[in-house]
């Protein structure tokens, strides 16, 4: 593994941490928004859609960091 590969892995791990943090934050906001009445249904849908997008990006980065090894 060369220096470029190591730097890429470090960048991916840093990005993964950022995405996971944002995902957790959105989870908290969605939970709080759901307890407030009345709440903005459109805002809730947008937050959930963003959260799903983050989940997809997190899974993509995880697969790049730890690719599946077929034995």
Protein backbone atom coordinates (compact mmCIF):
# COMPACT_ATOMS: atom_id res chain seq x y z
CA UNK A 1 0.00 0.00 0.00
CA UNK A 2 1.58 3.27 -1.12
CA UNK A 3 1.45 6.73 0.38
CA UNK A 4 -1.38 7.73 -1.96
CA UNK A 5 -3.43 4.72 -0.87
CA UNK A 6 -2.82 5.52 2.79
CA UNK A 7 -3.85 9.15 2.29
CA UNK A 8 -6.98 8.05 0.45
CA UNK A 9 -7.88 5.66 3.29
CA UNK A 10 -7.37 8.47 5.82
CA UNK A 11 -9.57 10.82 3.79
CA UNK A 12 -12.26 8.16 3.45
CA UNK A 13 -12.21 7.49 7.19
CA UNK A 14 -12.44 11.22 7.96
CA UNK A 15 -15.37 11.61 5.53
CA UNK A 16 -17.02 8.55 7.03
CA UNK A 17 -16.79 10.09 10.50
CA UNK A 18 -18.36 13.32 9.25
CA UNK A 19 -21.22 11.47 7.55
CA UNK A 20 -21.90 9.27 10.56
CA UNK A 21 -22.00 12.33 12.80
CA UNK A 22 -24.43 14.13 10.49
CA UNK A 23 -26.55 10.96 10.29
CA UNK A 24 -26.77 10.79 14.11
CA UNK A 25 -27.60 14.49 14.29
CA UNK A 26 -30.40 14.07 11.75
CA UNK A 27 -31.73 11.13 13.73
CA UNK A 28 -31.93 13.36 16.82
CA UNK A 29 -33.60 16.20 14.90
CA UNK A 30 -36.13 13.83 13.31
CA UNK A 31 -36.93 12.33 16.70
CA UNK A 32 -37.40 15.77 18.24
CA UNK A 33 -39.47 17.05 15.31
CA UNK A 34 -41.80 14.06 15.61
CA UNK A 35 -42.58 14.90 19.24
CA UNK A 36 -43.49 18.53 18.50
CA UNK A 37 -47.11 19.09 17.54
CA UNK A 38 -47.95 20.30 15.05
CA UNK A 39 -44.86 19.54 12.99
CA UNK A 40 -43.90 20.33 9.43
CA UNK A 41 -44.50 17.12 7.46
CA UNK A 42 -42.57 18.40 4.43
CA UNK A 43 -39.53 19.24 6.56
CA UNK A 44 -39.71 15.82 8.18
CA UNK A 45 -39.79 14.10 4.77
CA UNK A 46 -36.80 16.14 3.58
CA UNK A 47 -34.80 15.27 6.68
CA UNK A 48 -35.60 11.57 6.29
CA UNK A 49 -34.61 11.67 2.62
CA UNK A 50 -31.31 13.36 3.53
CA UNK A 51 -30.73 10.75 6.22
CA UNK A 52 -31.27 7.93 3.71
CA UNK A 53 -28.85 9.60 1.29
CA UNK A 54 -26.27 9.78 4.05
CA UNK A 55 -26.79 6.11 4.84
CA UNK A 56 -26.15 5.20 1.21
CA UNK A 57 -22.99 7.31 1.10
CA UNK A 58 -21.80 5.80 4.40
CA UNK A 59 -22.24 2.27 3.02
CA UNK A 60 -20.40 3.20 -0.17
CA UNK A 61 -17.43 4.57 1.76
CA UNK A 62 -17.39 1.56 4.10
CA UNK A 63 -17.26 -0.75 1.08
CA UNK A 64 -14.30 1.22 -0.28
CA UNK A 65 -12.47 1.03 3.05
CA UNK A 66 -13.21 -2.64 3.65
CA UNK A 67 -14.02 -4.28 0.31
CA UNK A 68 -15.74 -7.64 0.39
CA UNK A 69 -13.27 -10.48 0.08
CA UNK A 70 -14.64 -13.51 -1.69
CA UNK A 71 -12.93 -16.59 -0.35
